[in-house]
N, C-alpha and C. Protein backbone atom coordinates (compact mmCIF):
# COMPACT_ATOMS: atom_id res chain seq x y z
N MET A 1 0.76 -1.19 -0.02
CA MET A 1 0.15 -0.03 -0.01
C MET A 1 0.90 1.18 -0.04
N LEU A 2 0.57 2.18 -0.91
CA LEU A 2 1.25 3.51 -0.97
C LEU A 2 1.08 4.23 0.20
N ARG A 3 2.09 4.76 0.77
CA ARG A 3 2.12 5.74 1.85
C ARG A 3 2.24 7.15 1.62
N SER A 4 1.77 8.02 2.40
CA SER A 4 1.84 9.39 2.21
C SER A 4 3.18 9.83 1.85
N GLU A 5 4.25 9.35 2.55
CA GLU A 5 5.49 9.58 2.15
C GLU A 5 6.02 9.36 0.60
N ASP A 6 5.45 8.14 0.41
CA ASP A 6 5.77 7.65 -0.99
C ASP A 6 5.13 8.76 -2.06
N ILE A 7 3.93 9.31 -1.85
CA ILE A 7 3.51 10.22 -2.65
C ILE A 7 4.35 11.48 -2.70
N LEU A 8 4.70 11.84 -1.50
CA LEU A 8 5.49 13.13 -1.33
C LEU A 8 6.89 13.09 -2.03
N SER A 9 7.34 11.89 -2.14
CA SER A 9 8.82 11.62 -2.82
C SER A 9 8.58 11.51 -4.37
N MET A 10 7.36 11.47 -4.76
CA MET A 10 7.19 11.36 -6.17
C MET A 10 7.43 12.62 -7.00
N ASP A 11 8.19 12.59 -8.01
CA ASP A 11 8.48 13.80 -8.79
C ASP A 11 7.20 14.43 -9.32
N ARG A 12 7.11 15.76 -9.34
CA ARG A 12 5.91 16.35 -9.73
C ARG A 12 5.66 16.16 -11.15
N ASP A 13 6.64 15.75 -11.99
CA ASP A 13 6.39 15.46 -13.43
C ASP A 13 5.61 14.13 -13.49
N HIS A 14 5.58 13.30 -12.52
CA HIS A 14 5.06 11.99 -12.58
C HIS A 14 3.75 12.01 -11.97
N VAL A 15 3.20 13.03 -11.40
CA VAL A 15 1.87 13.04 -10.70
C VAL A 15 0.78 12.82 -11.63
N ALA A 16 0.69 13.53 -12.72
CA ALA A 16 -0.34 13.24 -13.73
C ALA A 16 -0.62 11.72 -14.00
N ALA A 17 0.72 11.26 -14.45
CA ALA A 17 0.83 9.88 -14.96
C ALA A 17 0.23 8.99 -13.78
N PHE A 18 0.75 9.28 -12.60
CA PHE A 18 0.29 8.43 -11.46
C PHE A 18 -1.09 8.55 -11.26
N ILE A 19 -1.70 9.59 -11.24
CA ILE A 19 -3.28 9.69 -11.15
C ILE A 19 -4.09 9.14 -12.29
N LYS A 20 -3.49 9.09 -13.52
CA LYS A 20 -4.13 8.46 -14.64
C LYS A 20 -3.98 6.82 -14.34
N GLU A 21 -2.86 6.43 -13.87
CA GLU A 21 -2.60 4.91 -13.62
C GLU A 21 -3.64 4.43 -12.56
N GLN A 22 -3.72 5.30 -11.37
CA GLN A 22 -4.60 4.99 -10.23
C GLN A 22 -6.06 4.94 -10.64
N THR A 23 -6.25 5.90 -11.64
CA THR A 23 -7.76 5.92 -12.01
C THR A 23 -8.14 4.68 -12.80
N SER A 24 -7.19 4.42 -13.75
CA SER A 24 -7.37 3.33 -14.50
C SER A 24 -7.64 1.95 -13.81
N ALA A 25 -6.73 1.84 -12.79
CA ALA A 25 -6.73 0.72 -11.83
C ALA A 25 -7.91 0.69 -10.73
N LYS A 26 -8.66 1.87 -10.91
CA LYS A 26 -9.71 2.01 -10.01
C LYS A 26 -9.24 1.95 -8.40
N THR A 27 -8.09 2.61 -8.19
CA THR A 27 -7.64 2.61 -6.86
C THR A 27 -7.40 4.07 -6.31
N LEU A 28 -7.67 4.96 -7.16
CA LEU A 28 -7.41 6.27 -6.73
C LEU A 28 -8.42 6.69 -5.70
N SER A 29 -9.67 6.38 -5.63
CA SER A 29 -10.62 6.76 -4.68
C SER A 29 -10.34 6.18 -3.40
N VAL A 30 -9.66 4.83 -3.57
CA VAL A 30 -9.35 4.19 -2.13
C VAL A 30 -8.12 5.02 -1.54
N LEU A 31 -7.18 5.44 -2.38
CA LEU A 31 -6.02 6.25 -1.94
C LEU A 31 -6.50 7.53 -1.18
N VAL A 32 -7.37 8.25 -1.88
CA VAL A 32 -7.73 9.54 -1.53
C VAL A 32 -8.55 9.38 -0.14
N ARG A 33 -9.42 8.18 -0.12
CA ARG A 33 -10.28 8.13 1.08
C ARG A 33 -9.23 7.88 2.29
N ARG A 34 -8.30 7.00 2.02
CA ARG A 34 -7.39 6.76 3.17
C ARG A 34 -6.55 8.10 3.74
N LEU A 35 -6.18 8.87 2.67
CA LEU A 35 -5.45 10.08 2.98
C LEU A 35 -6.39 11.05 3.77
N ASN A 36 -7.76 11.27 3.26
CA ASN A 36 -8.57 11.94 3.97
C ASN A 36 -8.83 11.49 5.49
N GLU A 37 -8.89 10.15 5.58
CA GLU A 37 -9.07 9.54 7.08
C GLU A 37 -7.99 9.89 7.88
N GLU A 38 -6.79 9.79 7.36
CA GLU A 38 -5.58 10.32 7.97
C GLU A 38 -5.56 11.67 8.41
N LEU A 39 -6.14 12.52 7.38
CA LEU A 39 -6.27 14.02 7.59
C LEU A 39 -7.30 14.36 8.81
N LEU A 40 -8.30 13.43 8.75
CA LEU A 40 -9.32 13.83 9.80
C LEU A 40 -9.12 13.16 11.22
N GLU A 41 -8.48 11.95 11.13
CA GLU A 41 -8.35 11.06 12.49
C GLU A 41 -6.85 10.83 13.04
N GLY A 42 -5.95 11.23 12.21
CA GLY A 42 -4.51 10.95 12.61
C GLY A 42 -4.08 12.11 13.73
N ASP A 43 -2.89 11.66 14.24
CA ASP A 43 -2.21 12.86 15.15
C ASP A 43 -1.90 13.83 14.29
N GLU A 44 -1.13 14.93 14.91
CA GLU A 44 -0.84 16.18 14.20
C GLU A 44 0.02 15.77 13.09
N THR A 45 1.13 14.89 13.28
CA THR A 45 2.17 14.72 12.23
C THR A 45 1.52 13.88 11.09
N VAL A 46 0.63 12.94 11.28
CA VAL A 46 -0.05 12.09 10.40
C VAL A 46 -0.87 13.20 9.53
N ARG A 47 -1.56 13.95 10.19
CA ARG A 47 -2.60 14.97 9.42
C ARG A 47 -1.87 15.88 8.51
N GLN A 48 -0.61 16.39 9.09
CA GLN A 48 0.24 17.24 8.18
C GLN A 48 0.77 16.55 6.98
N ILE A 49 1.25 15.25 7.10
CA ILE A 49 1.80 14.51 6.10
C ILE A 49 0.60 14.26 4.93
N ALA A 50 -0.48 13.84 5.58
CA ALA A 50 -1.60 13.64 4.50
C ALA A 50 -2.21 14.72 3.91
N SER A 51 -2.23 15.94 4.45
CA SER A 51 -2.40 17.27 3.85
C SER A 51 -1.52 17.50 2.79
N ARG A 52 -0.23 17.38 3.00
CA ARG A 52 0.77 17.61 2.00
C ARG A 52 0.65 16.66 0.84
N ALA A 53 0.46 15.36 1.12
CA ALA A 53 0.39 14.53 0.13
C ALA A 53 -0.83 14.77 -0.88
N LEU A 54 -1.89 15.16 -0.25
CA LEU A 54 -3.21 15.49 -1.09
C LEU A 54 -2.83 16.75 -1.91
N GLN A 55 -2.11 17.70 -1.41
CA GLN A 55 -1.81 18.90 -2.23
C GLN A 55 -0.76 18.49 -3.28
N HIS A 56 0.20 17.59 -2.99
CA HIS A 56 1.09 17.14 -4.02
C HIS A 56 0.27 16.35 -5.32
N LEU A 57 -0.67 15.84 -4.94
CA LEU A 57 -1.58 15.03 -5.93
C LEU A 57 -2.44 16.16 -6.71
N GLY A 58 -2.49 17.35 -6.13
CA GLY A 58 -3.22 18.40 -6.81
C GLY A 58 -4.63 18.81 -6.25
N PHE A 59 -4.98 18.09 -5.14
CA PHE A 59 -6.18 18.31 -4.46
C PHE A 59 -6.14 19.59 -3.69
N PRO A 60 -7.03 20.58 -3.59
CA PRO A 60 -6.87 21.69 -2.69
C PRO A 60 -6.79 21.53 -1.32
N GLU A 61 -6.29 22.42 -0.54
CA GLU A 61 -6.24 22.36 0.88
C GLU A 61 -7.46 22.88 1.52
N TYR A 62 -8.12 22.13 2.48
CA TYR A 62 -9.41 22.50 3.08
C TYR A 62 -9.14 22.88 4.39
N ALA A 63 -9.70 23.86 4.78
CA ALA A 63 -9.63 24.25 6.30
C ALA A 63 -10.55 23.62 7.19
């Protein structure tokens, strides 16, 4: 399973291809759901990393 840190280490030039691959494999929603759960339920460090991972994938930051 891909971790938030793995997403953050991904080169920005690869993000679009990664999203396309995840969408084709029908796993993007599972990944985003898990990151959202970490964002809502994790400790402060987990929340910060999940937020940064979502932003790295191009999702807007929500307050």
